[in-house]
Amino acid sequence: MTLRTVTVAAGVAGVLALGASADAKTLRWAFQGQLGALDPYTLNETFTLGQLGNVYEGLTRRGKNLEIEPALAESWEIVEPTRWRFHLRQGVKFANGNDFNADDVIFSVNRVLSQNSDLKTRLPADVKVEKVDDYTVDFVLSTPNPILHYEWDTWYIMDKEWAEEVGLENVVSASDTASSKAAFMSNGTGPYVIESHEPGVRTVFKPNPGWWDKIEGNIDEVIFTPIAQDATRVAALLSGEVDLVDPVPVQDIDRVNASANAEALTGPELRTIFLGFNSIRDELPTSNVKGKNPFRDARVRKAFYQAIDIDAIHQKVMRGLSTNSALLISPLLYSRSGEFSRHPYDPEAAKKLLADAGYPDGFTVGMDCPNDRYVNDEAICQAVAAMLARIGVKVDLNAQTKSKYFGKVLATGGYDTDFYLLGWTPGSFDSWNVITNLAGCRDETGKGGPFNLGGWCNEKVDALAKQILGENDPTKRDQLIHEAFTIMHEEVSHIPLHQQSLAWGKSKKLDVVQRADNQVLFKWMTMND
């Protein structure tokens, strides 16, 4: 993982048009999707968590090179194999002036594990939290867990007193389209505060004058605007209306780099894009196959896999800015990734597999896909649908904005999908996260692997995941991970596609850190004249 530092700037005319003074360090930036509810436990999505990471903080945080650092916890220790003690930072205040203490941590534990939370896996379900004193808390586990705190940089601590006062005791569901006004309020301990928020229109961030740490950059205002259309977003960058965009479509990178004032910053990303199958239901609601579920047959899943020309997607859809993958994890995060190879593209073999499984003429199935979340996401789904048509599978593609997509396919939407495209960055940067979240057996409510949208289940993989979590020996742990990935690969639990490349577009006057987790953090940005 490498740190990329580049420059981005704001056009003076645009700043003045927004009412700021001529020397204000205003960053105007645009993303392809919207920032919806500000409840930090609503959506386990990199963009949303990254934006809220400018406002909220966890007990830990990640540095410029993704190393774990102290944040709201100054230090921690394992006092017993199953007891972790965290010493909290004193003198920290939430943006509204309330003091941060152990009660807020305990409240946040209970809330993040509660109904509607999309971040339940940040903590073991059976964890017990004990208050030692106002600035010391113990996390008591049922089994050892060497990576307990690996994902805590995006488990943000909330103010108990404020949440109860404004009516945010309960998590706002991602599928709730009529959430209360409180869902669009925020109160964190982080470097910035949200001054105003109009979902789908504009969000304004300002520095938090009471932040306990120091902002390294000089941005004193951030104006975020969602721009869904690729052409409009790139045009806004090239005209100077915005200073930073994510993403730059791969087909526009050369044009951005050829401009006088803007450039594209590309680099490796940890996110893996993949396809998943509904294998938990007895029958697929969107299919013409009745009385059984084709996706419960590994031959059908492998047929879909071998029908997909991943090199064509890499060259034509991604314009070379992707890394084909045989696993659901980036090779940057798992050293033995090179021991796995993709199942070969072979339409004839795919047809034979379908015929052997009892579907010589193929079948129909619905496919869910976001159109504003990942790089060229809808185009990937269209390409996949066309490739599957060659083996007799007719795909009814349902491409939607990410708010509608996630509201449909996640637990809060009842896992309403038969075939889907998803991207996943393991918050812990560890293989266990991938195995348990994406392939852990679950029930209809999501108990188990909450992001295993299709419900694929293998009891051996589940058992291995439990062993992996408690294994402290790196060599033994890697072997257990290898066993789990081998089963997933051979059984075609999912179809890994690629790791997409980061592609930010920016003007040339602002220093900005581009981390491989694709979080846009304002505290490290410096505007140059």
Protein backbone atom coordinates (compact mmCIF):
# COMPACT_ATOMS: atom_id res chain seq x y z
CA MET A 1 0.00 0.00 0.00
CA THR A 2 1.46 3.33 -1.00
CA LEU A 3 0.69 6.90 -0.07
CA ARG A 4 -0.10 9.22 -2.95
CA THR A 5 0.15 12.98 -2.38
CA VAL A 6 -1.00 15.38 -5.07
CA THR A 7 -2.50 18.84 -5.45
CA VAL A 8 -6.04 20.17 -5.89
CA ALA A 9 -7.39 23.77 -5.76
CA ALA A 10 -10.55 25.87 -5.68
CA GLY A 11 -11.40 28.43 -8.33
CA VAL A 12 -11.78 31.92 -6.87
CA ALA A 13 -14.79 32.79 -8.97
CA GLY A 14 -16.67 29.73 -7.75
CA VAL A 15 -15.78 30.47 -4.13
CA LEU A 16 -17.01 34.03 -4.42
CA ALA A 17 -20.20 32.83 -6.05
CA LEU A 18 -20.83 30.75 -2.95
CA GLY A 19 -20.43 33.76 -0.72
CA ALA A 20 -16.99 32.99 0.71
CA SER A 21 -14.20 35.53 1.02
CA ALA A 22 -11.53 35.61 -1.68
CA ASP A 23 -8.91 34.04 0.59
CA ALA A 24 -11.15 31.36 2.07
CA LYS A 25 -9.70 27.87 1.71
CA THR A 26 -12.82 26.28 0.31
CA LEU A 27 -12.76 22.81 -1.17
CA ARG A 28 -15.63 22.02 -3.52
CA TRP A 29 -15.89 18.36 -4.26
CA ALA A 30 -18.27 15.94 -5.95
CA PHE A 31 -18.95 12.22 -5.72
CA GLN A 32 -21.11 10.11 -8.02
CA GLY A 33 -23.52 9.14 -5.21
CA GLN A 34 -25.42 10.91 -2.49
CA LEU A 35 -24.68 11.34 1.19
CA GLY A 36 -27.96 10.34 2.83
CA ALA A 37 -28.66 9.85 6.52
CA LEU A 38 -25.90 11.00 8.86
CA ASP A 39 -26.47 8.19 11.34
CA PRO A 40 -23.00 6.58 11.41
CA TYR A 41 -24.42 3.07 11.82
CA THR A 42 -26.90 3.15 8.93
CA LEU A 43 -24.71 2.11 6.02
CA ASN A 44 -21.47 0.12 6.00
CA GLU A 45 -20.21 1.84 2.84
CA THR A 46 -16.79 3.37 2.27
CA PHE A 47 -18.02 6.69 0.89
CA THR A 48 -20.53 7.32 3.69
CA LEU A 49 -18.17 6.18 6.43
CA GLY A 50 -15.36 8.25 4.92
CA GLN A 51 -17.45 11.41 4.88
CA LEU A 52 -18.66 10.83 8.43
CA GLY A 53 -15.06 10.10 9.43
CA ASN A 54 -14.43 13.82 9.04
CA VAL A 55 -17.02 14.42 11.77
CA TYR A 56 -16.94 11.36 14.03
CA GLU A 57 -14.09 9.33 15.50
CA GLY A 58 -13.52 5.81 16.75
CA LEU A 59 -11.46 4.58 19.65
CA THR A 60 -8.77 4.02 17.02
CA ARG A 61 -8.05 5.60 13.64
CA ARG A 62 -5.91 4.86 10.58
CA GLY A 63 -2.94 6.97 9.57
CA LYS A 64 -1.84 8.07 6.11
CA ASN A 65 -0.44 4.63 5.39
CA LEU A 66 -3.42 2.86 7.01
CA GLU A 67 -1.56 2.04 10.22
CA ILE A 68 -3.68 1.82 13.41
CA GLU A 69 -3.30 4.85 15.69
CA PRO A 70 -4.81 5.89 19.03
CA ALA A 71 -7.83 8.20 18.73
CA LEU A 72 -10.54 8.42 21.39
CA ALA A 73 -8.62 5.70 23.21
CA GLU A 74 -5.12 6.85 24.14
CA SER A 75 -3.92 3.29 24.72
CA TRP A 76 -5.09 -0.28 25.20
CA GLU A 77 -3.83 -3.55 26.55
CA ILE A 78 -4.85 -7.19 26.76
CA VAL A 79 -5.05 -7.77 30.52
CA GLU A 80 -6.33 -11.34 30.08
CA PRO A 81 -6.60 -13.45 26.89
CA THR A 82 -10.27 -12.50 26.60
CA ARG A 83 -10.23 -9.06 28.26
CA TRP A 84 -9.08 -5.91 26.48
CA ARG A 85 -8.76 -2.66 28.45
CA PHE A 86 -9.04 0.71 26.72
CA HIS A 87 -7.86 3.92 28.37
CA LEU A 88 -9.95 6.78 27.01
CA ARG A 89 -8.68 10.20 26.06
CA GLN A 90 -9.65 12.80 28.65
CA GLY A 91 -10.72 16.37 27.90
CA VAL A 92 -12.42 15.47 24.59
CA LYS A 93 -15.73 17.16 23.83
CA PHE A 94 -18.40 16.48 21.26
CA ALA A 95 -19.18 19.33 18.89
CA ASN A 96 -22.12 20.43 21.05
CA GLY A 97 -19.86 20.76 24.11
CA ASN A 98 -20.77 17.51 25.86
CA ASP A 99 -17.90 15.61 27.47
CA PHE A 100 -16.77 12.30 26.01
CA ASN A 101 -16.50 9.46 28.52
CA ALA A 102 -17.02 5.74 29.11
CA ASP A 103 -20.82 6.06 29.07
CA ASP A 104 -20.64 7.12 25.42
CA VAL A 105 -18.57 4.05 24.55
CA ILE A 106 -21.01 1.69 26.26
CA PHE A 107 -23.96 3.43 24.56
CA SER A 108 -22.20 3.11 21.18
CA VAL A 109 -21.52 -0.59 21.76
CA ASN A 110 -25.17 -1.32 22.46
CA ARG A 111 -26.35 0.84 19.57
CA VAL A 112 -23.99 -0.57 16.92
CA LEU A 113 -25.07 -4.11 17.84
CA SER A 114 -28.77 -3.24 17.77
CA GLN A 115 -31.49 -3.80 15.18
CA ASN A 116 -31.06 -1.90 11.87
CA SER A 117 -27.34 -1.37 12.43
CA ASP A 118 -25.32 -2.11 9.29
CA LEU A 119 -22.08 -2.26 11.31
CA LYS A 120 -22.84 -5.12 13.68
CA THR A 121 -19.64 -6.95 12.73
CA ARG A 122 -17.48 -4.23 14.24
CA LEU A 123 -17.86 -6.15 17.52
CA PRO A 124 -18.46 -9.78 18.50
CA ALA A 125 -22.17 -10.27 19.10
CA ASP A 126 -21.60 -11.62 22.61
CA VAL A 127 -19.10 -8.99 23.76
CA LYS A 128 -19.58 -7.57 27.25
CA VAL A 129 -18.40 -4.05 28.07
CA GLU A 130 -17.56 -3.10 31.63
CA LYS A 131 -17.00 0.42 32.88
CA VAL A 132 -13.92 0.49 35.09
CA ASP A 133 -14.15 4.24 35.62
CA ASP A 134 -15.18 7.28 33.58
CA TYR A 135 -12.17 6.91 31.30
CA THR A 136 -11.49 3.18 31.31
CA VAL A 137 -13.56 0.40 29.73
CA ASP A 138 -13.02 -3.33 29.43
CA PHE A 139 -14.20 -5.42 26.50
CA VAL A 140 -14.77 -8.98 27.68
CA LEU A 141 -14.86 -11.66 24.97
CA SER A 142 -15.95 -15.29 24.92
CA THR A 143 -12.83 -16.31 22.95
CA PRO A 144 -9.49 -14.64 22.15
CA ASN A 145 -9.61 -12.21 19.23
CA PRO A 146 -6.26 -10.78 18.05
CA ILE A 147 -7.96 -8.38 15.59
CA LEU A 148 -10.69 -7.05 17.88
CA HIS A 149 -9.88 -3.39 17.17
CA TYR A 150 -8.88 -3.65 13.49
CA GLU A 151 -12.18 -2.16 12.25
CA TRP A 152 -12.73 0.40 14.96
CA ASP A 153 -11.53 3.36 12.91
CA THR A 154 -14.98 3.33 11.27
CA TRP A 155 -16.95 2.38 14.38
CA TYR A 156 -17.68 5.92 15.42
CA ILE A 157 -18.45 6.81 19.03
CA MET A 158 -21.70 8.71 19.58
CA ASP A 159 -22.75 11.06 22.35
CA LYS A 160 -25.23 9.17 24.56
CA GLU A 161 -26.79 12.29 26.05
CA TRP A 162 -27.29 14.00 22.67
CA ALA A 163 -28.59 10.88 20.88
CA GLU A 164 -31.24 10.34 23.54
CA GLU A 165 -32.14 14.02 23.49
CA VAL A 166 -32.71 14.25 19.70
CA GLY A 167 -34.34 10.85 19.31
CA LEU A 168 -31.47 8.81 17.85
CA GLU A 169 -31.41 6.03 20.43
CA ASN A 170 -32.26 3.60 17.62
CA VAL A 171 -30.32 3.16 14.38
CA VAL A 172 -31.92 4.57 11.24
CA SER A 173 -32.52 1.73 8.77
CA ALA A 174 -30.89 1.96 5.33
CA SER A 175 -34.24 1.04 3.81
CA ASP A 176 -36.13 3.74 5.73
CA THR A 177 -37.23 6.33 3.19
CA ALA A 178 -39.16 8.38 5.74
CA SER A 179 -36.62 8.68 8.51
CA SER A 180 -36.90 11.40 11.11
CA LYS A 181 -35.19 14.78 11.02
CA ALA A 182 -32.74 13.50 13.61
CA ALA A 183 -31.29 11.11 11.02
CA PHE A 184 -29.82 14.14 9.25
CA MET A 185 -28.20 15.63 12.36
CA SER A 186 -24.64 14.98 13.53
CA ASN A 187 -22.56 15.51 16.65
CA GLY A 188 -19.08 14.03 16.68
CA THR A 189 -15.68 14.63 18.22
CA GLY A 190 -13.84 14.86 14.89
CA PRO A 191 -11.94 17.59 13.03
CA TYR A 192 -14.98 18.93 11.14
CA VAL A 193 -18.64 19.60 11.80
CA ILE A 194 -21.50 19.53 9.34
CA GLU A 195 -22.88 23.05 9.11
CA SER A 196 -25.74 22.15 6.77
CA HIS A 197 -26.98 19.03 5.02
CA GLU A 198 -29.45 18.79 2.17
CA PRO A 199 -29.47 15.12 1.11
CA GLY A 200 -28.91 14.78 -2.60
CA VAL A 201 -28.18 18.50 -2.97
CA ARG A 202 -25.34 19.89 -0.86
CA THR A 203 -23.48 19.35 2.41
CA VAL A 204 -21.24 21.96 4.02
CA PHE A 205 -18.44 21.06 6.44
CA LYS A 206 -16.56 23.53 8.67
CA PRO A 207 -13.59 22.95 11.02
CA ASN A 208 -14.41 21.93 14.57
CA PRO A 209 -12.75 24.64 16.71
CA GLY A 210 -12.81 22.38 19.76
CA TRP A 211 -11.12 19.36 18.21
CA TRP A 212 -8.61 17.78 20.57
CA ASP A 213 -6.06 17.19 17.80
CA LYS A 214 -4.58 19.43 15.09
CA ILE A 215 -5.79 19.70 11.49
CA GLU A 216 -2.68 19.40 9.32
CA GLY A 217 -4.24 21.09 6.29
CA ASN A 218 -5.82 24.51 5.79
CA ILE A 219 -9.31 23.75 4.48
CA ASP A 220 -11.78 25.94 6.36
CA GLU A 221 -14.83 25.02 4.32
CA VAL A 222 -15.87 21.98 2.31
CA ILE A 223 -18.86 22.05 0.00
CA PHE A 224 -19.91 18.61 -1.17
CA THR A 225 -22.29 18.18 -4.11
CA PRO A 226 -23.35 14.82 -5.56
CA ILE A 227 -23.05 14.69 -9.35
CA ALA A 228 -24.35 11.39 -10.65
CA GLN A 229 -23.64 11.81 -14.37
CA ASP A 230 -20.04 11.06 -15.35
CA ALA A 231 -19.92 13.65 -18.13
CA THR A 232 -21.35 16.38 -15.91
CA ARG A 233 -18.95 15.57 -13.08
CA VAL A 234 -15.88 15.68 -15.35
CA ALA A 235 -17.10 18.87 -17.02
CA ALA A 236 -17.47 20.51 -13.59
CA LEU A 237 -13.88 19.58 -12.79
CA LEU A 238 -12.47 20.82 -16.09
CA SER A 239 -14.39 24.10 -15.88
CA GLY A 240 -13.21 24.76 -12.32
CA GLU A 241 -16.66 24.54 -10.76
CA VAL A 242 -15.39 21.80 -8.45
CA ASP A 243 -11.89 20.99 -7.29
CA LEU A 244 -12.08 17.28 -6.57
CA VAL A 245 -14.20 14.50 -8.05
CA ASP A 246 -14.49 10.79 -7.37
CA PRO A 247 -14.41 8.86 -9.57
CA VAL A 248 -13.07 10.01 -12.88
CA PRO A 249 -14.50 7.52 -15.40
CA VAL A 250 -11.66 5.44 -16.77
CA GLN A 251 -12.48 6.56 -20.31
CA ASP A 252 -11.94 10.23 -19.30
CA ILE A 253 -8.61 9.94 -17.51
CA ASP A 254 -6.52 10.94 -20.53
CA ARG A 255 -8.76 13.96 -21.18
CA VAL A 256 -8.44 15.11 -17.57
CA ASN A 257 -4.66 14.71 -17.66
CA ALA A 258 -4.50 16.71 -20.90
CA SER A 259 -6.20 19.73 -19.34
CA ALA A 260 -4.20 22.73 -18.14
CA ASN A 261 -5.49 22.85 -14.57
CA ALA A 262 -6.65 19.36 -13.67
CA GLU A 263 -5.20 15.89 -13.43
CA ALA A 264 -6.24 12.37 -12.51
CA LEU A 265 -4.78 10.57 -9.53
CA THR A 266 -4.87 6.81 -9.92
CA GLY A 267 -3.66 4.17 -7.54
CA PRO A 268 -4.43 0.71 -6.17
CA GLU A 269 -7.64 0.24 -4.21
CA LEU A 270 -8.35 -2.47 -1.69
CA ARG A 271 -11.97 -2.98 -2.80
CA THR A 272 -12.89 -6.16 -4.69
CA ILE A 273 -15.84 -6.10 -7.08
CA PHE A 274 -17.71 -9.40 -7.32
CA LEU A 275 -20.98 -11.12 -8.21
CA GLY A 276 -23.13 -13.08 -5.80
CA PHE A 277 -25.98 -15.61 -6.03
CA ASN A 278 -29.14 -16.14 -4.02
CA SER A 279 -28.67 -19.71 -2.85
CA ILE A 280 -30.62 -19.54 0.41
CA ARG A 281 -34.15 -19.61 -1.01
CA ASP A 282 -35.96 -22.68 -2.27
CA GLU A 283 -36.99 -20.81 -5.43
CA LEU A 284 -35.72 -17.66 -7.17
CA PRO A 285 -38.54 -15.08 -7.35
CA THR A 286 -37.13 -13.54 -10.55
CA SER A 287 -36.51 -16.79 -12.45
CA ASN A 288 -38.68 -18.89 -14.76
CA VAL A 289 -37.37 -22.00 -12.97
CA LYS A 290 -40.07 -23.05 -10.52
CA GLY A 291 -39.89 -25.44 -7.60
CA LYS A 292 -36.12 -25.30 -7.20
CA ASN A 293 -33.21 -22.90 -7.06
CA PRO A 294 -30.56 -23.31 -9.82
CA PHE A 295 -27.96 -21.42 -7.77
CA ARG A 296 -27.88 -24.17 -5.16
CA ASP A 297 -25.99 -26.24 -7.74
CA ALA A 298 -22.27 -25.44 -7.86
CA ARG A 299 -22.25 -26.41 -11.54
CA VAL A 300 -24.61 -23.53 -12.33
CA ARG A 301 -22.53 -21.08 -10.34
CA LYS A 302 -19.37 -22.27 -12.12
CA ALA A 303 -21.15 -21.99 -15.49
CA PHE A 304 -21.86 -18.33 -14.78
CA TYR A 305 -18.23 -17.85 -13.75
CA GLN A 306 -16.83 -19.45 -16.92
CA ALA A 307 -19.21 -17.48 -19.14
CA ILE A 308 -17.67 -14.19 -18.03
CA ASP A 309 -14.79 -12.86 -20.12
CA ILE A 310 -12.91 -11.01 -17.39
CA ASP A 311 -10.21 -9.83 -19.82
CA ALA A 312 -12.85 -8.12 -21.96
CA ILE A 313 -14.23 -6.36 -18.88
CA HIS A 314 -10.69 -5.33 -17.91
CA GLN A 315 -9.83 -3.97 -21.35
CA LYS A 316 -13.11 -2.59 -22.68
CA VAL A 317 -15.14 -1.61 -19.60
CA MET A 318 -12.35 -0.72 -17.17
CA ARG A 319 -9.88 0.52 -19.83
CA GLY A 320 -7.09 -1.41 -18.17
CA LEU A 321 -7.64 0.19 -14.74
CA SER A 322 -8.48 -2.95 -12.83
CA THR A 323 -6.70 -6.04 -11.54
CA ASN A 324 -8.40 -9.34 -12.31
CA SER A 325 -8.96 -11.34 -9.14
CA ALA A 326 -9.47 -15.00 -8.24
CA LEU A 327 -10.36 -14.18 -4.62
CA LEU A 328 -12.65 -11.80 -2.76
CA ILE A 329 -9.64 -10.00 -1.29
CA SER A 330 -6.91 -7.81 -2.70
CA PRO A 331 -3.46 -9.43 -3.05
CA LEU A 332 -2.19 -6.44 -1.06
CA LEU A 333 -4.02 -7.89 1.94
CA TYR A 334 -3.35 -11.63 1.57
CA SER A 335 0.14 -12.83 0.76
CA ARG A 336 -0.98 -16.22 -0.63
CA SER A 337 -3.36 -14.77 -3.22
CA GLY A 338 -0.95 -15.77 -5.99
CA GLU A 339 -1.64 -19.45 -5.27
CA PHE A 340 -5.15 -19.08 -6.70
CA SER A 341 -6.11 -18.77 -10.38
CA ARG A 342 -9.43 -17.78 -11.88
CA HIS A 343 -11.61 -20.46 -13.42
CA PRO A 344 -10.93 -20.04 -17.17
CA TYR A 345 -13.28 -18.21 -19.49
CA ASP A 346 -14.89 -20.99 -21.52
CA PRO A 347 -18.46 -20.52 -22.85
CA GLU A 348 -18.64 -24.08 -24.19
CA ALA A 349 -17.65 -25.52 -20.82
CA ALA A 350 -20.24 -23.22 -19.24
CA LYS A 351 -22.98 -24.52 -21.53
CA LYS A 352 -22.06 -28.11 -20.69
CA LEU A 353 -22.18 -27.34 -16.96
CA LEU A 354 -25.65 -25.86 -17.36
CA ALA A 355 -26.80 -28.87 -19.35
CA ASP A 356 -25.33 -31.28 -16.79
CA ALA A 357 -27.21 -29.40 -14.08
CA GLY A 358 -30.49 -29.78 -15.98
CA TYR A 359 -30.70 -26.42 -17.76
CA PRO A 360 -29.64 -27.08 -21.37
CA ASP A 361 -31.65 -24.08 -22.58
CA GLY A 362 -30.59 -21.80 -19.73
CA PHE A 363 -33.10 -19.83 -17.67
CA THR A 364 -34.07 -16.29 -16.75
CA VAL A 365 -32.98 -14.40 -13.63
CA GLY A 366 -33.07 -10.87 -12.28
CA MET A 367 -29.86 -9.00 -11.48
CA ASP A 368 -29.44 -6.06 -9.10
CA CYS A 369 -26.71 -3.53 -9.71
CA PRO A 370 -25.90 -0.01 -8.46
CA ASN A 371 -25.30 2.64 -11.11
CA ASP A 372 -23.53 5.27 -9.00
CA ARG A 373 -21.38 3.40 -6.48
CA TYR A 374 -18.43 1.63 -8.14
CA VAL A 375 -16.33 2.44 -11.19
CA ASN A 376 -18.46 1.71 -14.29
CA ASP A 377 -20.72 -0.50 -12.18
CA GLU A 378 -23.72 -0.50 -14.51
CA ALA A 379 -21.48 -1.05 -17.55
CA ILE A 380 -19.96 -4.10 -15.84
CA CYS A 381 -23.44 -5.52 -15.19
CA GLN A 382 -24.48 -4.89 -18.78
CA ALA A 383 -21.38 -6.71 -20.02
CA VAL A 384 -22.05 -9.64 -17.69
CA ALA A 385 -25.66 -9.85 -18.88
CA ALA A 386 -24.52 -9.94 -22.51
CA MET A 387 -21.96 -12.67 -21.79
CA LEU A 388 -24.50 -14.81 -19.94
CA ALA A 389 -26.90 -14.47 -22.86
CA ARG A 390 -24.38 -16.41 -24.96
CA ILE A 391 -24.93 -19.49 -22.79
CA GLY A 392 -28.72 -19.14 -22.77
CA VAL A 393 -29.18 -17.19 -19.53
CA LYS A 394 -31.45 -14.17 -19.91
CA VAL A 395 -30.70 -11.50 -17.31
CA ASP A 396 -33.27 -8.88 -16.36
CA LEU A 397 -30.98 -6.07 -15.17
CA ASN A 398 -32.22 -3.73 -12.44
CA ALA A 399 -29.67 -0.90 -12.12
CA GLN A 400 -30.50 1.73 -9.51
CA THR A 401 -28.92 4.51 -7.49
CA LYS A 402 -27.01 3.20 -4.51
CA SER A 403 -29.60 4.41 -2.00
CA LYS A 404 -32.32 2.32 -3.67
CA TYR A 405 -29.96 -0.56 -4.37
CA PHE A 406 -28.68 -0.91 -0.81
CA GLY A 407 -32.17 -0.38 0.58
CA LYS A 408 -33.26 -3.40 -1.47
CA VAL A 409 -30.43 -5.91 -1.20
CA LEU A 410 -29.16 -5.45 2.38
CA ALA A 411 -30.63 -7.03 5.51
CA THR A 412 -32.93 -4.06 6.11
CA GLY A 413 -34.48 -4.69 2.68
CA GLY A 414 -34.91 -8.40 3.33
CA TYR A 415 -31.99 -9.44 1.08
CA ASP A 416 -34.27 -8.89 -1.91
CA THR A 417 -31.97 -10.05 -4.71
CA ASP A 418 -31.28 -13.19 -6.73
CA PHE A 419 -28.07 -12.15 -8.51
CA TYR A 420 -26.09 -9.04 -7.70
CA LEU A 421 -22.91 -7.00 -8.04
CA LEU A 422 -21.22 -5.73 -4.89
CA GLY A 423 -17.89 -4.24 -3.85
CA TRP A 424 -16.14 -5.01 -0.57
CA THR A 425 -13.19 -3.49 1.26
CA PRO A 426 -12.47 -5.42 4.47
CA GLY A 427 -12.56 -2.81 7.22
CA SER A 428 -9.97 -4.75 9.18
CA PHE A 429 -7.76 -5.24 6.07
CA ASP A 430 -7.81 -8.90 7.02
CA SER A 431 -9.06 -12.10 5.33
CA TRP A 432 -11.25 -13.10 8.28
CA ASN A 433 -13.40 -10.04 7.62
CA VAL A 434 -14.05 -11.21 4.06
CA ILE A 435 -14.75 -14.82 4.97
CA THR A 436 -17.14 -14.11 7.82
CA ASN A 437 -18.97 -11.15 6.29
CA LEU A 438 -19.38 -12.38 2.73
CA ALA A 439 -19.43 -16.18 3.14
CA GLY A 440 -20.52 -16.82 6.72
CA CYS A 441 -23.72 -18.84 6.97
CA ARG A 442 -26.71 -16.68 7.90
CA ASP A 443 -30.41 -16.99 8.52
CA GLU A 444 -33.18 -14.98 6.84
CA THR A 445 -32.70 -12.09 9.30
CA GLY A 446 -28.97 -11.78 8.67
CA LYS A 447 -27.77 -13.47 11.84
CA GLY A 448 -24.41 -14.89 10.83
CA GLY A 449 -22.70 -13.42 7.75
CA PRO A 450 -24.65 -10.15 7.43
CA PHE A 451 -23.28 -9.20 4.00
CA ASN A 452 -23.62 -12.67 2.55
CA LEU A 453 -26.53 -11.30 0.54
CA GLY A 454 -27.19 -14.57 -1.28
CA GLY A 455 -26.92 -16.78 1.79
CA TRP A 456 -24.33 -19.26 0.45
CA CYS A 457 -23.43 -21.56 3.32
CA ASN A 458 -20.68 -24.08 3.95
CA GLU A 459 -20.34 -25.37 7.51
CA LYS A 460 -16.62 -26.12 7.06
CA VAL A 461 -15.95 -22.49 6.06
CA ASP A 462 -17.94 -21.32 9.08
CA ALA A 463 -15.86 -23.52 11.36
CA LEU A 464 -12.64 -22.29 9.77
CA ALA A 465 -13.70 -18.67 10.27
CA LYS A 466 -14.05 -19.27 14.00
CA GLN A 467 -10.62 -20.88 14.13
CA ILE A 468 -9.07 -18.02 12.14
CA LEU A 469 -10.46 -15.41 14.51
CA GLY A 470 -8.86 -16.96 17.58
CA GLU A 471 -5.56 -18.13 16.04
CA ASN A 472 -2.53 -16.05 17.08
CA ASP A 473 0.12 -18.00 15.14
CA PRO A 474 0.50 -16.25 11.73
CA THR A 475 1.57 -19.41 9.87
CA LYS A 476 -1.29 -21.51 11.22
CA ARG A 477 -3.70 -18.65 10.64
CA ASP A 478 -2.64 -18.26 6.99
CA GLN A 479 -3.16 -21.99 6.43
CA LEU A 480 -6.69 -21.82 7.86
CA ILE A 481 -7.42 -18.83 5.61
CA HIS A 482 -6.06 -20.76 2.62
CA GLU A 483 -8.38 -23.69 3.40
CA ALA A 484 -11.42 -21.41 3.59
CA PHE A 485 -10.59 -19.59 0.35
CA THR A 486 -9.96 -22.93 -1.39
CA ILE A 487 -13.45 -24.16 -0.55
CA MET A 488 -15.01 -20.87 -1.61
CA HIS A 489 -13.07 -20.96 -4.89
CA GLU A 490 -13.88 -24.58 -5.73
CA GLU A 491 -17.54 -24.28 -4.74
CA VAL A 492 -17.87 -20.87 -6.48
CA SER A 493 -19.43 -19.18 -3.48
CA HIS A 494 -19.16 -15.92 -5.50
CA ILE A 495 -17.61 -14.73 -8.74
CA PRO A 496 -14.67 -12.39 -7.98
CA LEU A 497 -14.15 -9.90 -10.79
CA HIS A 498 -11.43 -7.39 -10.00
CA GLN A 499 -9.96 -4.76 -7.75
CA GLN A 500 -10.86 -1.46 -9.32
CA SER A 501 -8.28 1.32 -9.38
CA LEU A 502 -8.78 4.58 -7.58
CA ALA A 503 -9.32 7.45 -9.99
CA TRP A 504 -9.77 10.86 -8.43
CA GLY A 505 -9.86 13.98 -10.55
CA LYS A 506 -8.53 17.24 -9.18
CA SER A 507 -7.11 20.60 -9.99
CA LYS A 508 -3.43 21.12 -9.28
CA LYS A 509 -3.34 23.37 -6.23
CA LEU A 510 -4.23 21.27 -3.23
CA ASP A 511 -2.11 18.67 -1.46
CA VAL A 512 -4.26 15.64 -0.74
CA VAL A 513 -3.64 12.16 0.63
CA GLN A 514 -5.11 9.30 -1.39
CA ARG A 515 -5.29 6.18 0.75
CA ALA A 516 -5.93 2.77 -0.73
CA ASP A 517 -9.20 2.54 1.24
CA ASN A 518 -10.60 5.46 -0.83
CA GLN A 519 -11.63 7.62 2.11
CA VAL A 520 -11.66 11.35 1.38
CA LEU A 521 -10.38 12.99 4.57
CA PHE A 522 -10.19 16.77 4.73
CA LYS A 523 -7.77 17.12 7.66
CA TRP A 524 -4.79 16.33 5.38
CA MET A 525 -5.68 18.69 2.54
CA THR A 526 -3.80 21.94 1.98
CA MET A 527 -4.91 24.60 -0.52
CA ASN A 528 -2.09 26.37 -2.33
CA ASP A 529 -2.37 29.80 -3.93
